């Protein structure tokens, strides 16, 4: 069984992506904030993390903080970062923090699923 953590502060994106990514061989956990995501990263082992770059939260931690934390505690977790606020500088920061993939929104759930299949999360 593979396990994915999906992190976005927009409930509609969480709902849509969870529905498309659902599969019998994959368990999906969701978080609506950086704080929730980090809590889950400390409690569970994940094969992949899909995280939005801009997240609202109490400590103003964003997706980059989640990426850094994931790399610190789960260095074998594959990381996909999505953002609507991209650019070369942001892209460089994302990869410098250890992300494996960077995607600028709009990103379809099927594209995320294809990327996760490339990482062997889904059987093709």
C-alpha atoms as a PDB file:
ATOM      1  CA  UNK A   1       0.000   0.000   0.000  1.00  0.00           C
ATOM      2  CA  UNK A   2       1.332   3.437  -0.981  1.00  0.00           C
ATOM      3  CA  UNK A   3       0.511   6.565   0.987  1.00  0.00           C
ATOM      4  CA  UNK A   4       0.190  10.153  -0.253  1.00  0.00           C
ATOM      5  CA  UNK A   5      -0.151  13.372   1.714  1.00  0.00           C
ATOM      6  CA  UNK A   6      -2.082  16.041  -0.189  1.00  0.00           C
ATOM      7  CA  UNK A   7      -1.724  19.573   1.219  1.00  0.00           C
ATOM      8  CA  UNK A   8      -3.748  22.555   0.020  1.00  0.00           C
ATOM      9  CA  UNK A   9      -5.750  25.218   1.817  1.00  0.00           C
ATOM     10  CA  UNK A  10      -8.497  25.185  -0.831  1.00  0.00           C
ATOM     11  CA  UNK A  11     -11.113  22.529   0.073  1.00  0.00           C
ATOM     12  CA  UNK A  12     -12.267  22.234  -3.562  1.00  0.00           C
ATOM     13  CA  UNK A  13      -8.766  21.238  -4.683  1.00  0.00           C
ATOM     14  CA  UNK A  14      -8.429  18.725  -1.837  1.00  0.00           C
ATOM     15  CA  UNK A  15     -11.799  17.230  -2.766  1.00  0.00           C
ATOM     16  CA  UNK A  16     -11.134  17.042  -6.524  1.00  0.00           C
ATOM     17  CA  UNK A  17      -7.591  15.713  -6.233  1.00  0.00           C
ATOM     18  CA  UNK A  18      -8.569  13.148  -3.589  1.00  0.00           C
ATOM     19  CA  UNK A  19     -11.321  11.851  -5.830  1.00  0.00           C
ATOM     20  CA  UNK A  20      -9.059  11.461  -8.885  1.00  0.00           C
ATOM     21  CA  UNK A  21      -6.108  10.059  -6.919  1.00  0.00           C
ATOM     22  CA  UNK A  22      -8.234   7.499  -5.071  1.00  0.00           C
ATOM     23  CA  UNK A  23      -7.170   3.921  -5.793  1.00  0.00           C
ATOM     24  CA  UNK A  24      -7.290   0.627  -3.929  1.00  0.00           C
ATOM     25  CA  UNK A  25      -3.487   0.474  -3.696  1.00  0.00           C
ATOM     26  CA  UNK A  26      -3.128   4.081  -2.484  1.00  0.00           C
ATOM     27  CA  UNK A  27      -4.118   5.702   0.796  1.00  0.00           C
ATOM     28  CA  UNK A  28      -4.554   9.483   0.745  1.00  0.00           C
ATOM     29  CA  UNK A  29      -4.277  11.774   3.744  1.00  0.00           C
ATOM     30  CA  UNK A  30      -5.135  15.454   3.425  1.00  0.00           C
ATOM     31  CA  UNK A  31      -4.146  18.610   5.251  1.00  0.00           C
ATOM     32  CA  UNK A  32      -5.468  22.130   4.861  1.00  0.00           C
ATOM     33  CA  UNK A  33      -2.543  23.897   6.526  1.00  0.00           C
ATOM     34  CA  UNK A  34       1.201  23.637   6.931  1.00  0.00           C
ATOM     35  CA  UNK A  35       0.783  22.875  10.624  1.00  0.00           C
ATOM     36  CA  UNK A  36      -1.557  19.944   9.930  1.00  0.00           C
ATOM     37  CA  UNK A  37       0.751  18.646   7.216  1.00  0.00           C
ATOM     38  CA  UNK A  38       3.787  18.703   9.496  1.00  0.00           C
ATOM     39  CA  UNK A  39       1.847  16.929  12.219  1.00  0.00           C
ATOM     40  CA  UNK A  40       0.912  14.177   9.746  1.00  0.00           C
ATOM     41  CA  UNK A  41       4.495  13.946   8.473  1.00  0.00           C
ATOM     42  CA  UNK A  42       5.647  13.275  12.031  1.00  0.00           C
ATOM     43  CA  UNK A  43       2.981  10.606  12.608  1.00  0.00           C
ATOM     44  CA  UNK A  44       2.991   8.698   9.298  1.00  0.00           C
ATOM     45  CA  UNK A  45       5.353   7.549   6.582  1.00  0.00           C
ATOM     46  CA  UNK A  46       4.529   8.845   3.087  1.00  0.00           C
ATOM     47  CA  UNK A  47       5.634   7.729  -0.335  1.00  0.00           C
ATOM     48  CA  UNK A  48       4.688  11.088  -1.834  1.00  0.00           C
ATOM     49  CA  UNK A  49       3.779  14.594  -0.753  1.00  0.00           C
ATOM     50  CA  UNK A  50       1.773  16.901  -3.030  1.00  0.00           C
ATOM     51  CA  UNK A  51       1.822  20.417  -1.575  1.00  0.00           C
ATOM     52  CA  UNK A  52       0.652  23.859  -2.611  1.00  0.00           C
ATOM     53  CA  UNK A  53       3.300  26.533  -2.195  1.00  0.00           C
ATOM     54  CA  UNK A  54       1.049  29.158  -0.622  1.00  0.00           C
ATOM     55  CA  UNK A  55      -0.716  27.984   2.502  1.00  0.00           C
ATOM     56  CA  UNK A  56      -2.493  29.964   5.176  1.00  0.00           C
ATOM     57  CA  UNK A  57      -1.641  29.160   8.746  1.00  0.00           C
ATOM     58  CA  UNK A  58      -1.076  30.435  12.222  1.00  0.00           C
ATOM     59  CA  UNK A  59       2.699  30.636  11.888  1.00  0.00           C
ATOM     60  CA  UNK A  60       2.591  31.856   8.278  1.00  0.00           C
ATOM     61  CA  UNK A  61       4.525  28.760   7.225  1.00  0.00           C
ATOM     62  CA  UNK A  62       4.135  28.022   3.559  1.00  0.00           C
ATOM     63  CA  UNK A  63       4.664  25.010   1.329  1.00  0.00           C
ATOM     64  CA  UNK A  64       8.429  25.559   1.347  1.00  0.00           C
ATOM     65  CA  UNK A  65       8.435  24.953   5.082  1.00  0.00           C
ATOM     66  CA  UNK A  66       6.472  21.747   4.576  1.00  0.00           C
ATOM     67  CA  UNK A  67       8.973  20.640   1.907  1.00  0.00           C
ATOM     68  CA  UNK A  68      11.907  21.332   4.243  1.00  0.00           C
ATOM     69  CA  UNK A  69      10.258  19.452   7.101  1.00  0.00           C
ATOM     70  CA  UNK A  70       9.392  16.490   4.866  1.00  0.00           C
ATOM     71  CA  UNK A  71      13.004  16.239   3.724  1.00  0.00           C
ATOM     72  CA  UNK A  72      14.257  16.446   7.290  1.00  0.00           C
ATOM     73  CA  UNK A  73      12.112  13.606   8.609  1.00  0.00           C
ATOM     74  CA  UNK A  74      11.262  11.517   5.510  1.00  0.00           C
ATOM     75  CA  UNK A  75      14.093  11.812   3.037  1.00  0.00           C
ATOM     76  CA  UNK A  76      12.713   9.050   0.792  1.00  0.00           C
ATOM     77  CA  UNK A  77       9.348  10.801   0.287  1.00  0.00           C
ATOM     78  CA  UNK A  78       8.876  12.143  -3.254  1.00  0.00           C
ATOM     79  CA  UNK A  79       7.703  15.762  -3.273  1.00  0.00           C
ATOM     80  CA  UNK A  80       5.529  17.572  -5.810  1.00  0.00           C
ATOM     81  CA  UNK A  81       5.059  21.330  -5.334  1.00  0.00           C
ATOM     82  CA  UNK A  82       2.246  23.249  -7.036  1.00  0.00           C
ATOM     83  CA  UNK A  83       1.914  27.011  -7.208  1.00  0.00           C
ATOM     84  CA  UNK A  84      -0.067  29.735  -8.904  1.00  0.00           C
ATOM     85  CA  UNK A  85       2.702  32.196  -8.045  1.00  0.00           C
ATOM     86  CA  UNK A  86       5.615  30.753  -9.966  1.00  0.00           C
ATOM     87  CA  UNK A  87       8.680  32.058 -11.654  1.00  0.00           C
ATOM     88  CA  UNK A  88      12.327  31.120 -11.998  1.00  0.00           C
ATOM     89  CA  UNK A  89      13.253  32.329  -8.501  1.00  0.00           C
ATOM     90  CA  UNK A  90      10.415  30.371  -6.869  1.00  0.00           C
ATOM     91  CA  UNK A  91      11.275  27.292  -8.946  1.00  0.00           C
ATOM     92  CA  UNK A  92      14.897  27.490  -7.782  1.00  0.00           C
ATOM     93  CA  UNK A  93      13.821  27.819  -4.136  1.00  0.00           C
ATOM     94  CA  UNK A  94      11.528  24.797  -4.460  1.00  0.00           C
ATOM     95  CA  UNK A  95      14.298  22.596  -5.845  1.00  0.00           C
ATOM     96  CA  UNK A  96      16.836  23.977  -3.351  1.00  0.00           C
ATOM     97  CA  UNK A  97      14.545  22.779  -0.526  1.00  0.00           C
ATOM     98  CA  UNK A  98      14.540  19.282  -2.010  1.00  0.00           C
ATOM     99  CA  UNK A  99      11.344  18.982  -4.055  1.00  0.00           C
ATOM    100  CA  UNK A 100      11.345  16.459  -6.884  1.00  0.00           C
ATOM    101  CA  UNK A 101       8.746  18.154  -9.101  1.00  0.00           C
ATOM    102  CA  UNK A 102       7.528  21.718  -9.588  1.00  0.00           C
ATOM    103  CA  UNK A 103       4.258  22.557 -11.353  1.00  0.00           C
ATOM    104  CA  UNK A 104       2.612  25.872 -12.024  1.00  0.00           C
ATOM    105  CA  UNK A 105      -1.171  26.065 -11.628  1.00  0.00           C
ATOM    106  CA  UNK A 106      -3.528  25.355 -13.070  1.00  0.00           C
ATOM    107  CA  UNK A 107      -2.515  21.731 -12.585  1.00  0.00           C
ATOM    108  CA  UNK A 108      -4.986  18.979 -13.351  1.00  0.00           C
ATOM    109  CA  UNK A 109      -5.448  16.090 -10.970  1.00  0.00           C
ATOM    110  CA  UNK A 110      -4.713  13.728 -13.872  1.00  0.00           C
ATOM    111  CA  UNK A 111      -1.319  15.386 -14.417  1.00  0.00           C
ATOM    112  CA  UNK A 112      -0.546  14.892 -10.724  1.00  0.00           C
ATOM    113  CA  UNK A 113      -1.609  11.246 -11.018  1.00  0.00           C
ATOM    114  CA  UNK A 114       0.646  10.769 -14.086  1.00  0.00           C
ATOM    115  CA  UNK A 115       3.558  12.299 -12.191  1.00  0.00           C
ATOM    116  CA  UNK A 116       2.903  10.017  -9.223  1.00  0.00           C
ATOM    117  CA  UNK A 117       2.715   7.046 -11.600  1.00  0.00           C
ATOM    118  CA  UNK A 118       6.176   8.028 -12.893  1.00  0.00           C
ATOM    119  CA  UNK A 119       7.305   7.773  -9.252  1.00  0.00           C
ATOM    120  CA  UNK A 120       5.811   4.263  -9.049  1.00  0.00           C
ATOM    121  CA  UNK A 121       3.043   5.323  -6.665  1.00  0.00           C
ATOM    122  CA  UNK A 122       0.417   4.046  -9.092  1.00  0.00           C
ATOM    123  CA  UNK A 123       0.632   0.901 -11.190  1.00  0.00           C
ATOM    124  CA  UNK A 124       0.277   1.588 -14.894  1.00  0.00           C
END
